[in-house]
Amino acid sequence: MTGAVGWHAWALWRRLRAALPGRFRITVRYYLCAAAWIPVGATLGALLSRGPDDLWHGRLLVAHTSAMVLGWLGLTLTGTLLTLWPTMLRTCIDARAEALARQALPVLCAAVAVVVGGALVGLRPLVVGLYPVCRGAGWWGRALWRPARQAPPREFGTWSVSAGLCWLLFAVLWVAGTVAWQSDWRSVVDGFTPATGGSRRGSGPEMVQGP
């Protein structure tokens, strides 16, 4: 999977360099940034599957899940919904959408990097970088608000996307609070798994798989 995503990212990068400037090139940049997190998440997942001690288990779990869910899936999702959301609602895209997405991308990438790095070096205060993830997502989400006001969700697909975004925001805030308030990395796992839907240590795999 990592090789396939890397090849896909290389093809996108080549096309982006060769193509004439166009609207919503930022979507491709979101895909490239998302693809960059795949080898990171895969490496962390492999280390996690080797059964590290309790201390490293918590740190690797937070780092791996953040790289895959927020980096790989999250950036792919935000890049796609920029144009897919108004299409699903059958309405016009917000005129500010491209600018908002371009401004949010470095915030989101930096925040995910801080979270992953903070977990790996064992600095739990850095994992509060999850809150900037929410701020970047909120800034990007302004591009989704105007189309939703013009044509509110009325179908299963649009309501599912809305519910998924709300769940993701709640889960990120839950994880940030869990990591911040637990006494150590060993106790992080018990509070972490309810939000991610994973299993406790020793009861099954916890790695997040990409699509």
N, C-alpha and C. Protein backbone atom coordinates (compact mmCIF):
# COMPACT_ATOMS: atom_id res chain seq x y z
N MET A 1 0.82 -1.19 0.00
CA MET A 1 0.00 0.00 0.00
C MET A 1 0.86 1.26 0.00
N THR A 2 1.91 1.26 0.82
CA THR A 2 2.78 2.43 0.90
C THR A 2 3.41 2.73 -0.46
N GLY A 3 3.86 1.67 -1.16
CA GLY A 3 4.45 1.87 -2.47
C GLY A 3 3.46 2.41 -3.47
N ALA A 4 2.22 1.90 -3.43
CA ALA A 4 1.18 2.37 -4.36
C ALA A 4 0.85 3.83 -4.12
N VAL A 5 0.73 4.21 -2.86
CA VAL A 5 0.43 5.61 -2.54
C VAL A 5 1.60 6.51 -2.95
N GLY A 6 2.83 6.03 -2.72
CA GLY A 6 4.00 6.81 -3.12
C GLY A 6 4.06 7.03 -4.62
N TRP A 7 3.74 5.98 -5.37
CA TRP A 7 3.73 6.10 -6.84
C TRP A 7 2.64 7.08 -7.28
N HIS A 8 1.49 6.99 -6.65
CA HIS A 8 0.39 7.89 -6.96
C HIS A 8 0.78 9.34 -6.66
N ALA A 9 1.43 9.57 -5.52
CA ALA A 9 1.85 10.92 -5.16
C ALA A 9 2.88 11.46 -6.15
N TRP A 10 3.79 10.61 -6.58
CA TRP A 10 4.79 11.02 -7.56
C TRP A 10 4.12 11.43 -8.87
N ALA A 11 3.13 10.67 -9.30
CA ALA A 11 2.41 11.01 -10.53
C ALA A 11 1.66 12.33 -10.38
N LEU A 12 1.04 12.54 -9.22
CA LEU A 12 0.33 13.80 -8.99
C LEU A 12 1.30 14.98 -9.00
N TRP A 13 2.46 14.80 -8.36
CA TRP A 13 3.44 15.88 -8.28
C TRP A 13 3.96 16.25 -9.67
N ARG A 14 4.22 15.25 -10.49
CA ARG A 14 4.68 15.52 -11.86
C ARG A 14 3.62 16.25 -12.67
N ARG A 15 2.39 15.82 -12.54
CA ARG A 15 1.31 16.48 -13.28
C ARG A 15 1.10 17.91 -12.78
N LEU A 16 1.24 18.11 -11.48
CA LEU A 16 1.06 19.45 -10.91
C LEU A 16 2.12 20.40 -11.44
N ARG A 17 3.34 19.92 -11.57
CA ARG A 17 4.42 20.77 -12.09
C ARG A 17 4.24 21.07 -13.56
N ALA A 18 3.69 20.12 -14.32
CA ALA A 18 3.58 20.30 -15.77
C ALA A 18 2.32 21.05 -16.17
N ALA A 19 1.30 21.02 -15.32
CA ALA A 19 0.01 21.62 -15.69
C ALA A 19 0.06 23.14 -15.59
N LEU A 20 -0.79 23.76 -16.36
CA LEU A 20 -0.94 25.20 -16.28
C LEU A 20 -1.63 25.57 -14.96
N PRO A 21 -1.35 26.76 -14.43
CA PRO A 21 -2.01 27.16 -13.19
C PRO A 21 -3.53 27.12 -13.35
N GLY A 22 -4.20 26.56 -12.39
CA GLY A 22 -5.65 26.44 -12.45
C GLY A 22 -6.25 26.56 -11.08
N ARG A 23 -7.56 26.74 -11.05
CA ARG A 23 -8.26 26.86 -9.79
C ARG A 23 -8.27 25.51 -9.07
N PHE A 24 -8.16 25.57 -7.76
CA PHE A 24 -8.21 24.40 -6.89
C PHE A 24 -7.05 23.44 -7.09
N ARG A 25 -5.90 23.95 -7.52
CA ARG A 25 -4.68 23.15 -7.46
C ARG A 25 -4.37 22.76 -6.02
N ILE A 26 -4.94 23.54 -5.09
CA ILE A 26 -4.68 23.27 -3.68
C ILE A 26 -5.18 21.89 -3.28
N THR A 27 -6.21 21.37 -3.97
CA THR A 27 -6.70 20.04 -3.66
C THR A 27 -5.62 18.99 -3.88
N VAL A 28 -4.86 19.13 -4.97
CA VAL A 28 -3.77 18.19 -5.25
C VAL A 28 -2.69 18.31 -4.18
N ARG A 29 -2.44 19.51 -3.71
CA ARG A 29 -1.44 19.69 -2.65
C ARG A 29 -1.88 19.01 -1.36
N TYR A 30 -3.16 19.04 -1.08
CA TYR A 30 -3.67 18.29 0.08
C TYR A 30 -3.39 16.80 -0.09
N TYR A 31 -3.60 16.27 -1.30
CA TYR A 31 -3.35 14.85 -1.53
C TYR A 31 -1.87 14.52 -1.38
N LEU A 32 -1.01 15.41 -1.84
CA LEU A 32 0.43 15.16 -1.72
C LEU A 32 0.86 15.17 -0.25
N CYS A 33 0.35 16.12 0.52
CA CYS A 33 0.69 16.16 1.94
C CYS A 33 0.14 14.94 2.67
N ALA A 34 -1.05 14.51 2.28
CA ALA A 34 -1.64 13.32 2.90
C ALA A 34 -0.79 12.09 2.61
N ALA A 35 -0.33 11.96 1.36
CA ALA A 35 0.47 10.80 0.98
C ALA A 35 1.79 10.75 1.74
N ALA A 36 2.31 11.91 2.10
CA ALA A 36 3.58 11.94 2.82
C ALA A 36 3.49 11.30 4.20
N TRP A 37 2.27 11.21 4.75
CA TRP A 37 2.11 10.63 6.07
C TRP A 37 2.00 9.11 6.05
N ILE A 38 1.79 8.53 4.87
CA ILE A 38 1.64 7.08 4.79
C ILE A 38 2.90 6.34 5.27
N PRO A 39 4.10 6.65 4.75
CA PRO A 39 5.27 5.90 5.24
C PRO A 39 5.53 6.13 6.72
N VAL A 40 5.21 7.32 7.22
CA VAL A 40 5.38 7.59 8.65
C VAL A 40 4.44 6.71 9.46
N GLY A 41 3.16 6.72 9.08
CA GLY A 41 2.18 5.92 9.81
C GLY A 41 2.45 4.44 9.70
N ALA A 42 2.88 3.98 8.52
CA ALA A 42 3.17 2.55 8.34
C ALA A 42 4.34 2.11 9.21
N THR A 43 5.37 2.93 9.28
CA THR A 43 6.53 2.61 10.12
C THR A 43 6.14 2.54 11.59
N LEU A 44 5.37 3.53 12.03
CA LEU A 44 4.93 3.54 13.43
C LEU A 44 4.01 2.35 13.73
N GLY A 45 3.17 1.99 12.76
CA GLY A 45 2.30 0.83 12.95
C GLY A 45 3.09 -0.46 13.06
N ALA A 46 4.14 -0.57 12.26
CA ALA A 46 4.98 -1.77 12.34
C ALA A 46 5.66 -1.87 13.69
N LEU A 47 6.14 -0.75 14.21
CA LEU A 47 6.75 -0.75 15.54
C LEU A 47 5.73 -1.08 16.61
N LEU A 48 4.52 -0.57 16.44
CA LEU A 48 3.47 -0.83 17.42
C LEU A 48 3.09 -2.30 17.45
N SER A 49 3.11 -2.96 16.29
CA SER A 49 2.72 -4.37 16.21
C SER A 49 3.75 -5.30 16.84
N ARG A 50 4.94 -4.79 17.13
CA ARG A 50 5.99 -5.62 17.72
C ARG A 50 5.85 -5.77 19.22
N GLY A 51 4.82 -5.15 19.79
CA GLY A 51 4.56 -5.32 21.21
C GLY A 51 5.53 -4.58 22.11
N PRO A 52 5.63 -3.27 21.98
CA PRO A 52 6.54 -2.51 22.85
C PRO A 52 6.04 -2.50 24.29
N ASP A 53 6.89 -2.03 25.20
CA ASP A 53 6.46 -1.95 26.60
C ASP A 53 5.36 -0.91 26.75
N ASP A 54 4.76 -0.85 27.93
CA ASP A 54 3.59 0.00 28.15
C ASP A 54 3.87 1.47 27.86
N LEU A 55 5.05 1.93 28.23
CA LEU A 55 5.38 3.33 28.01
C LEU A 55 5.39 3.66 26.52
N TRP A 56 6.12 2.86 25.74
CA TRP A 56 6.22 3.11 24.30
C TRP A 56 4.93 2.77 23.58
N HIS A 57 4.16 1.85 24.15
CA HIS A 57 2.89 1.49 23.52
C HIS A 57 1.98 2.71 23.41
N GLY A 58 1.85 3.46 24.50
CA GLY A 58 1.00 4.64 24.48
C GLY A 58 1.51 5.70 23.53
N ARG A 59 2.82 5.91 23.54
CA ARG A 59 3.40 6.94 22.66
C ARG A 59 3.25 6.58 21.19
N LEU A 60 3.53 5.32 20.86
CA LEU A 60 3.40 4.88 19.47
C LEU A 60 1.95 4.86 19.02
N LEU A 61 1.05 4.51 19.93
CA LEU A 61 -0.37 4.48 19.57
C LEU A 61 -0.87 5.86 19.18
N VAL A 62 -0.53 6.87 19.97
CA VAL A 62 -0.95 8.23 19.66
C VAL A 62 -0.30 8.73 18.37
N ALA A 63 1.00 8.47 18.22
CA ALA A 63 1.71 8.94 17.03
C ALA A 63 1.20 8.26 15.77
N HIS A 64 1.03 6.93 15.82
CA HIS A 64 0.57 6.18 14.65
C HIS A 64 -0.85 6.60 14.24
N THR A 65 -1.75 6.67 15.21
CA THR A 65 -3.13 7.03 14.91
C THR A 65 -3.23 8.45 14.38
N SER A 66 -2.45 9.36 14.94
CA SER A 66 -2.46 10.75 14.46
C SER A 66 -1.95 10.85 13.04
N ALA A 67 -0.87 10.12 12.73
CA ALA A 67 -0.32 10.16 11.37
C ALA A 67 -1.30 9.61 10.35
N MET A 68 -2.01 8.53 10.69
CA MET A 68 -2.90 7.89 9.73
C MET A 68 -4.27 8.57 9.66
N VAL A 69 -4.85 8.89 10.81
CA VAL A 69 -6.20 9.46 10.81
C VAL A 69 -6.17 10.94 10.45
N LEU A 70 -5.28 11.70 11.10
CA LEU A 70 -5.25 13.14 10.84
C LEU A 70 -4.41 13.47 9.61
N GLY A 71 -3.28 12.76 9.44
CA GLY A 71 -2.42 13.06 8.30
C GLY A 71 -2.94 12.47 6.99
N TRP A 72 -3.03 11.15 6.92
CA TRP A 72 -3.42 10.49 5.69
C TRP A 72 -4.91 10.68 5.38
N LEU A 73 -5.77 10.23 6.27
CA LEU A 73 -7.21 10.32 6.01
C LEU A 73 -7.72 11.75 6.13
N GLY A 74 -7.26 12.47 7.15
CA GLY A 74 -7.78 13.81 7.39
C GLY A 74 -7.48 14.79 6.27
N LEU A 75 -6.24 14.81 5.80
CA LEU A 75 -5.88 15.73 4.73
C LEU A 75 -6.53 15.33 3.41
N THR A 76 -6.65 14.03 3.17
CA THR A 76 -7.36 13.58 1.97
C THR A 76 -8.82 14.02 2.01
N LEU A 77 -9.44 13.87 3.17
CA LEU A 77 -10.84 14.25 3.34
C LEU A 77 -11.05 15.74 3.12
N THR A 78 -10.21 16.56 3.75
CA THR A 78 -10.39 18.00 3.63
C THR A 78 -10.13 18.48 2.20
N GLY A 79 -9.16 17.89 1.55
CA GLY A 79 -8.89 18.27 0.17
C GLY A 79 -10.03 17.90 -0.76
N THR A 80 -10.67 16.77 -0.49
CA THR A 80 -11.75 16.30 -1.36
C THR A 80 -13.05 17.05 -1.14
N LEU A 81 -13.41 17.28 0.13
CA LEU A 81 -14.69 17.91 0.43
C LEU A 81 -14.75 19.36 -0.02
N LEU A 82 -13.61 19.94 -0.27
CA LEU A 82 -13.59 21.33 -0.73
C LEU A 82 -14.50 21.51 -1.95
N THR A 83 -14.45 20.57 -2.87
CA THR A 83 -15.29 20.64 -4.07
C THR A 83 -16.44 19.62 -4.03
N LEU A 84 -16.24 18.50 -3.33
CA LEU A 84 -17.28 17.46 -3.31
C LEU A 84 -18.50 17.90 -2.51
N TRP A 85 -18.29 18.62 -1.42
CA TRP A 85 -19.40 19.00 -0.55
C TRP A 85 -20.45 19.85 -1.29
N PRO A 86 -20.08 20.95 -1.94
CA PRO A 86 -21.11 21.68 -2.69
C PRO A 86 -21.71 20.88 -3.83
N THR A 87 -20.92 19.97 -4.41
CA THR A 87 -21.46 19.11 -5.46
C THR A 87 -22.55 18.20 -4.90
N MET A 88 -22.32 17.63 -3.73
CA MET A 88 -23.32 16.77 -3.10
C MET A 88 -24.58 17.55 -2.74
N LEU A 89 -24.39 18.82 -2.35
CA LEU A 89 -25.54 19.65 -1.99
C LEU A 89 -26.23 20.26 -3.20
N ARG A 90 -25.60 20.10 -4.38
CA ARG A 90 -26.12 20.67 -5.62
C ARG A 90 -26.26 22.18 -5.52
N THR A 91 -25.18 22.82 -5.09
CA THR A 91 -25.16 24.27 -4.98
C THR A 91 -23.80 24.79 -5.37
N CYS A 92 -23.63 26.10 -5.35
CA CYS A 92 -22.37 26.73 -5.78
C CYS A 92 -21.33 26.64 -4.68
N ILE A 93 -20.09 26.55 -5.07
CA ILE A 93 -18.98 26.54 -4.13
C ILE A 93 -18.76 27.94 -3.57
N ASP A 94 -18.32 28.02 -2.35
CA ASP A 94 -18.00 29.31 -1.74
C ASP A 94 -16.85 29.97 -2.49
N ALA A 95 -16.99 31.25 -2.79
CA ALA A 95 -15.95 31.96 -3.53
C ALA A 95 -14.64 32.02 -2.75
N ARG A 96 -14.71 31.88 -1.43
CA ARG A 96 -13.50 31.94 -0.59
C ARG A 96 -12.85 30.58 -0.42
N ALA A 97 -13.43 29.54 -0.99
CA ALA A 97 -13.00 28.17 -0.67
C ALA A 97 -11.53 27.93 -0.95
N GLU A 98 -11.05 28.33 -2.11
CA GLU A 98 -9.66 28.08 -2.46
C GLU A 98 -8.71 28.78 -1.50
N ALA A 99 -9.00 30.05 -1.21
CA ALA A 99 -8.13 30.81 -0.31
C ALA A 99 -8.13 30.22 1.10
N LEU A 100 -9.30 29.85 1.60
CA LEU A 100 -9.39 29.27 2.94
C LEU A 100 -8.64 27.95 3.02
N ALA A 101 -8.77 27.12 1.99
CA ALA A 101 -8.07 25.83 1.98
C ALA A 101 -6.56 26.04 1.92
N ARG A 102 -6.13 27.00 1.14
CA ARG A 102 -4.68 27.28 1.03
C ARG A 102 -4.13 27.77 2.36
N GLN A 103 -4.87 28.59 3.08
CA GLN A 103 -4.41 29.10 4.36
C GLN A 103 -4.42 28.03 5.44
N ALA A 104 -5.37 27.11 5.37
CA ALA A 104 -5.50 26.08 6.40
C ALA A 104 -4.47 24.97 6.27
N LEU A 105 -3.99 24.70 5.05
CA LEU A 105 -3.11 23.55 4.83
C LEU A 105 -1.84 23.59 5.68
N PRO A 106 -1.06 24.69 5.71
CA PRO A 106 0.14 24.67 6.54
C PRO A 106 -0.16 24.53 8.03
N VAL A 107 -1.29 25.07 8.47
CA VAL A 107 -1.67 24.94 9.88
C VAL A 107 -1.95 23.49 10.21
N LEU A 108 -2.70 22.81 9.35
CA LEU A 108 -3.03 21.41 9.59
C LEU A 108 -1.79 20.53 9.54
N CYS A 109 -0.93 20.73 8.56
CA CYS A 109 0.28 19.91 8.44
C CYS A 109 1.21 20.11 9.63
N ALA A 110 1.40 21.37 10.03
CA ALA A 110 2.28 21.65 11.16
C ALA A 110 1.72 21.07 12.45
N ALA A 111 0.41 21.16 12.63
CA ALA A 111 -0.21 20.65 13.85
C ALA A 111 -0.07 19.14 13.95
N VAL A 112 -0.28 18.43 12.85
CA VAL A 112 -0.13 16.98 12.87
C VAL A 112 1.32 16.60 13.16
N ALA A 113 2.26 17.33 12.56
CA ALA A 113 3.68 17.06 12.81
C ALA A 113 4.03 17.26 14.28
N VAL A 114 3.48 18.30 14.90
CA VAL A 114 3.73 18.56 16.32
C VAL A 114 3.16 17.44 17.17
N VAL A 115 1.97 16.98 16.83
CA VAL A 115 1.35 15.90 17.61
C VAL A 115 2.17 14.61 17.52
N VAL A 116 2.53 14.22 16.30
CA VAL A 116 3.30 12.99 16.11
C VAL A 116 4.66 13.10 16.78
N GLY A 117 5.35 14.22 16.56
CA GLY A 117 6.66 14.40 17.17
C GLY A 117 6.59 14.45 18.69
N GLY A 118 5.57 15.16 19.22
CA GLY A 118 5.42 15.23 20.67
C GLY A 118 5.18 13.88 21.30
N ALA A 119 4.37 13.05 20.63
CA ALA A 119 4.13 11.71 21.16
C ALA A 119 5.40 10.87 21.15
N LEU A 120 6.18 10.95 20.08
CA LEU A 120 7.37 10.11 19.96
C LEU A 120 8.44 10.49 20.98
N VAL A 121 8.59 11.78 21.25
CA VAL A 121 9.61 12.19 22.22
C VAL A 121 9.08 12.18 23.64
N GLY A 122 7.80 11.87 23.80
CA GLY A 122 7.24 11.74 25.14
C GLY A 122 6.85 13.02 25.80
N LEU A 123 6.65 14.09 25.04
CA LEU A 123 6.24 15.37 25.60
C LEU A 123 4.73 15.53 25.41
N ARG A 124 3.98 15.15 26.41
CA ARG A 124 2.53 15.19 26.27
C ARG A 124 1.97 16.58 26.04
N PRO A 125 2.57 17.66 26.58
CA PRO A 125 2.04 18.99 26.25
C PRO A 125 2.04 19.28 24.76
N LEU A 126 2.99 18.71 23.99
CA LEU A 126 3.02 18.96 22.56
C LEU A 126 1.85 18.30 21.85
N VAL A 127 1.30 17.25 22.44
CA VAL A 127 0.17 16.58 21.82
C VAL A 127 -1.08 17.46 21.87
N VAL A 128 -1.04 18.50 22.69
CA VAL A 128 -2.14 19.47 22.68
C VAL A 128 -2.14 20.22 21.35
N GLY A 129 -1.16 19.94 20.49
CA GLY A 129 -1.21 20.43 19.12
C GLY A 129 -2.44 19.95 18.39
N LEU A 130 -3.18 19.01 18.99
CA LEU A 130 -4.45 18.60 18.42
C LEU A 130 -5.44 19.76 18.37
N TYR A 131 -5.30 20.70 19.27
CA TYR A 131 -6.21 21.85 19.25
C TYR A 131 -5.97 22.74 18.03
N PRO A 132 -4.71 23.01 17.64
CA PRO A 132 -4.51 23.70 16.35
C PRO A 132 -5.07 22.94 15.16
N VAL A 133 -5.10 21.60 15.24
CA VAL A 133 -5.75 20.84 14.17
C VAL A 133 -7.21 21.26 14.05
N CYS A 134 -7.87 21.40 15.19
CA CYS A 134 -9.27 21.83 15.18
C CYS A 134 -9.41 23.26 14.67
N ARG A 135 -8.46 24.11 15.01
CA ARG A 135 -8.53 25.49 14.53
C ARG A 135 -8.35 25.55 13.03
N GLY A 136 -7.37 24.78 12.51
CA GLY A 136 -7.18 24.74 11.06
C GLY A 136 -8.38 24.16 10.35
N ALA A 137 -8.96 23.10 10.93
CA ALA A 137 -10.15 22.50 10.34
C ALA A 137 -11.32 23.46 10.38
N GLY A 138 -11.42 24.24 11.45
CA GLY A 138 -12.49 25.22 11.54
C GLY A 138 -12.35 26.32 10.50
N TRP A 139 -11.10 26.76 10.28
CA TRP A 139 -10.87 27.78 9.25
C TRP A 139 -11.23 27.23 7.87
N TRP A 140 -10.80 26.00 7.58
CA TRP A 140 -11.15 25.36 6.32
C TRP A 140 -12.65 25.13 6.23
N GLY A 141 -13.28 24.80 7.36
CA GLY A 141 -14.70 24.48 7.36
C GLY A 141 -15.60 25.65 7.01
N ARG A 142 -15.06 26.87 7.06
CA ARG A 142 -15.86 28.02 6.65
C ARG A 142 -16.28 27.92 5.19
N ALA A 143 -15.46 27.23 4.39
CA ALA A 143 -15.80 27.05 2.97
C ALA A 143 -16.97 26.09 2.79
N LEU A 144 -17.26 25.27 3.82
CA LEU A 144 -18.37 24.33 3.73
C LEU A 144 -19.66 24.91 4.28
N TRP A 145 -19.52 25.95 5.10
CA TRP A 145 -20.69 26.48 5.80
C TRP A 145 -21.66 27.20 4.86
N ARG A 146 -21.12 28.03 3.96
CA ARG A 146 -22.00 28.79 3.07
C ARG A 146 -22.80 27.89 2.12
N PRO A 147 -22.17 26.88 1.48
CA PRO A 147 -23.00 25.97 0.67
C PRO A 147 -24.07 25.26 1.48
N ALA A 148 -23.75 24.91 2.75
CA ALA A 148 -24.73 24.22 3.58
C ALA A 148 -25.89 25.14 3.94
N ARG A 149 -25.64 26.43 4.06
CA ARG A 149 -26.72 27.38 4.32
C ARG A 149 -27.59 27.57 3.09
N GLN A 150 -26.96 27.54 1.93
CA GLN A 150 -27.72 27.73 0.70
C GLN A 150 -28.57 26.50 0.37
N ALA A 151 -28.06 25.33 0.65
CA ALA A 151 -28.79 24.09 0.36
C ALA A 151 -28.53 23.10 1.49
N PRO A 152 -29.27 23.19 2.58
CA PRO A 152 -29.02 22.33 3.75
C PRO A 152 -29.07 20.84 3.38
N PRO A 153 -28.32 20.01 4.13
CA PRO A 153 -28.35 18.56 3.87
C PRO A 153 -29.76 18.00 4.01
N ARG A 154 -30.16 17.23 3.02
CA ARG A 154 -31.49 16.62 3.04
C ARG A 154 -31.45 15.13 2.69
N GLU A 155 -30.30 14.64 2.27
CA GLU A 155 -30.19 13.26 1.84
C GLU A 155 -29.24 12.49 2.75
N PHE A 156 -29.28 11.17 2.63
CA PHE A 156 -28.47 10.32 3.49
C PHE A 156 -26.97 10.63 3.35
N GLY A 157 -26.51 10.81 2.11
CA GLY A 157 -25.08 11.05 1.89
C GLY A 157 -24.59 12.32 2.55
N THR A 158 -25.32 13.41 2.38
CA THR A 158 -24.88 14.68 2.97
C THR A 158 -25.00 14.66 4.49
N TRP A 159 -26.05 14.01 5.01
CA TRP A 159 -26.15 13.89 6.47
C TRP A 159 -25.04 13.00 7.03
N SER A 160 -24.63 11.99 6.28
CA SER A 160 -23.54 11.12 6.73
C SER A 160 -22.22 11.89 6.80
N VAL A 161 -21.96 12.71 5.79
CA VAL A 161 -20.74 13.53 5.81
C VAL A 161 -20.78 14.48 6.99
N SER A 162 -21.91 15.12 7.23
CA SER A 162 -22.04 16.05 8.35
C SER A 162 -21.78 15.35 9.68
N ALA A 163 -22.39 14.17 9.85
CA ALA A 163 -22.20 13.42 11.08
C ALA A 163 -20.75 12.98 11.24
N GLY A 164 -20.12 12.56 10.14
CA GLY A 164 -18.72 12.14 10.20
C GLY A 164 -17.79 13.26 10.61
N LEU A 165 -18.03 14.45 10.10
CA LEU A 165 -17.20 15.60 10.47
C LEU A 165 -17.38 15.96 11.94
N CYS A 166 -18.62 15.89 12.42
CA CYS A 166 -18.86 16.17 13.84
C CYS A 166 -18.17 15.13 14.72
N TRP A 167 -18.25 13.86 14.31
CA TRP A 167 -17.59 12.81 15.09
C TRP A 167 -16.08 13.02 15.11
N LEU A 168 -15.49 13.39 13.96
CA LEU A 168 -14.06 13.58 13.89
C LEU A 168 -13.62 14.72 14.81
N LEU A 169 -14.37 15.82 14.81
CA LEU A 169 -14.04 16.94 15.69
C LEU A 169 -14.12 16.52 17.15
N PHE A 170 -15.18 15.80 17.51
CA PHE A 170 -15.34 15.34 18.89
C PHE A 170 -14.20 14.40 19.28
N ALA A 171 -13.84 13.48 18.38
CA ALA A 171 -12.79 12.52 18.69
C ALA A 171 -11.45 13.21 18.90
N VAL A 172 -11.14 14.20 18.07
CA VAL A 172 -9.88 14.93 18.22
C VAL A 172 -9.83 15.64 19.57
N LEU A 173 -10.92 16.30 19.94
CA LEU A 173 -10.96 16.99 21.23
C LEU A 173 -10.87 15.99 22.39
N TRP A 174 -11.52 14.85 22.23
CA TRP A 174 -11.47 13.81 23.27
C TRP A 174 -10.04 13.32 23.47
N VAL A 175 -9.36 13.02 22.36
CA VAL A 175 -7.99 12.51 22.45
C VAL A 175 -7.07 13.56 23.06
N ALA A 176 -7.23 14.82 22.64
CA ALA A 176 -6.38 15.88 23.20
C ALA A 176 -6.57 15.99 24.70
N GLY A 177 -7.81 15.94 25.15
CA GLY A 177 -8.07 16.01 26.59
C GLY A 177 -7.53 14.79 27.32
N THR A 178 -7.67 13.62 26.71
CA THR A 178 -7.18 12.39 27.33
C THR A 178 -5.67 12.42 27.52
N VAL A 179 -4.96 12.80 26.47
CA VAL A 179 -3.50 12.83 26.55
C VAL A 179 -3.04 13.90 27.54
N ALA A 180 -3.75 15.02 27.57
CA ALA A 180 -3.34 16.12 28.45
C ALA A 180 -3.58 15.80 29.92
N TRP A 181 -4.68 15.07 30.22
CA TRP A 181 -5.05 14.91 31.61
C TRP A 181 -4.62 13.59 32.24
N GLN A 182 -4.25 12.60 31.45
CA GLN A 182 -3.78 11.35 32.05
C GLN A 182 -2.43 11.55 32.73
N SER A 183 -2.17 10.73 33.72
CA SER A 183 -0.96 10.93 34.52
C SER A 183 0.31 10.51 33.79
N ASP A 184 0.23 9.53 32.88
CA ASP A 184 1.41 9.09 32.15
C ASP A 184 0.97 8.39 30.87
N TRP A 185 1.94 7.98 30.04
CA TRP A 185 1.63 7.37 28.76
C TRP A 185 1.00 6.00 28.92
N ARG A 186 1.28 5.33 30.02
CA ARG A 186 0.69 4.00 30.24
C ARG A 186 -0.83 4.09 30.40
N SER A 187 -1.29 5.17 31.04
CA SER A 187 -2.72 5.32 31.28
C SER A 187 -3.44 6.00 30.12
N VAL A 188 -2.67 6.51 29.14
CA VAL A 188 -3.29 7.17 27.99
C VAL A 188 -4.12 6.18 27.18
N VAL A 189 -3.65 4.94 27.07
CA VAL A 189 -4.30 3.95 26.20
C VAL A 189 -5.74 3.71 26.60
N ASP A 190 -6.01 3.59 27.90
CA ASP A 190 -7.38 3.29 28.35
C ASP A 190 -8.35 4.40 27.98
N GLY A 191 -7.90 5.65 28.03
CA GLY A 191 -8.77 6.75 27.67
C GLY A 191 -8.78 7.04 26.18
N PHE A 192 -7.78 6.51 25.47
CA PHE A 192 -7.62 6.80 24.05
C PHE A 192 -8.51 5.92 23.18
N THR A 193 -8.61 4.65 23.53
CA THR A 193 -9.29 3.70 22.65
C THR A 193 -10.79 3.94 22.48
N PRO A 194 -11.55 4.48 23.48
CA PRO A 194 -12.97 4.72 23.22
C PRO A 194 -13.22 5.68 22.06
N ALA A 195 -12.35 6.68 21.89
CA ALA A 195 -12.55 7.66 20.82
C ALA A 195 -12.15 7.10 19.47
N THR A 196 -11.16 6.22 19.45
CA THR A 196 -10.66 5.71 18.17
C THR A 196 -11.33 4.41 17.75
N GLY A 197 -12.05 3.78 18.64
CA GLY A 197 -12.68 2.51 18.30
C GLY A 197 -11.70 1.35 18.29
N GLY A 198 -10.50 1.55 18.84
CA GLY A 198 -9.50 0.49 18.88
C GLY A 198 -9.75 -0.45 20.03
N SER A 199 -8.86 -1.42 20.18
CA SER A 199 -8.97 -2.38 21.26
C SER A 199 -7.89 -2.12 22.28
N ARG A 200 -8.09 -2.65 23.43
CA ARG A 200 -7.08 -2.49 24.47
C ARG A 200 -5.88 -3.37 24.17
N ARG A 201 -4.78 -3.05 24.84
CA ARG A 201 -3.54 -3.77 24.61
C ARG A 201 -3.75 -5.25 24.88
N GLY A 202 -3.34 -6.04 23.88
CA GLY A 202 -3.40 -7.48 24.08
C GLY A 202 -4.69 -8.12 23.59
N SER A 203 -5.68 -7.29 23.17
CA SER A 203 -6.95 -7.87 22.75
C SER A 203 -7.17 -7.80 21.25
N GLY A 204 -6.19 -7.30 20.51
CA GLY A 204 -6.36 -7.26 19.06
C GLY A 204 -5.56 -6.15 18.47
N PRO A 205 -5.49 -6.07 17.14
CA PRO A 205 -4.71 -5.04 16.48
C PRO A 205 -5.33 -3.67 16.67
N GLU A 206 -4.48 -2.63 16.73
CA GLU A 206 -4.94 -1.28 16.94
C GLU A 206 -4.54 -0.36 15.81
N MET A 207 -3.89 -0.89 14.82
CA MET A 207 -3.41 -0.05 13.75
C MET A 207 -4.56 0.43 12.90
N VAL A 208 -4.47 1.68 12.49
CA VAL A 208 -5.48 2.26 11.62
C VAL A 208 -5.06 2.00 10.18
N GLN A 209 -5.93 1.40 9.44
CA GLN A 209 -5.61 1.06 8.07
C GLN A 209 -6.19 2.12 7.14
N GLY A 210 -5.44 2.49 6.14
CA GLY A 210 -5.94 3.41 5.12
C GLY A 210 -6.86 2.70 4.19
N PRO A 211 -7.57 3.48 3.32
CA PRO A 211 -8.51 2.87 2.40
C PRO A 211 -7.79 2.10 1.31
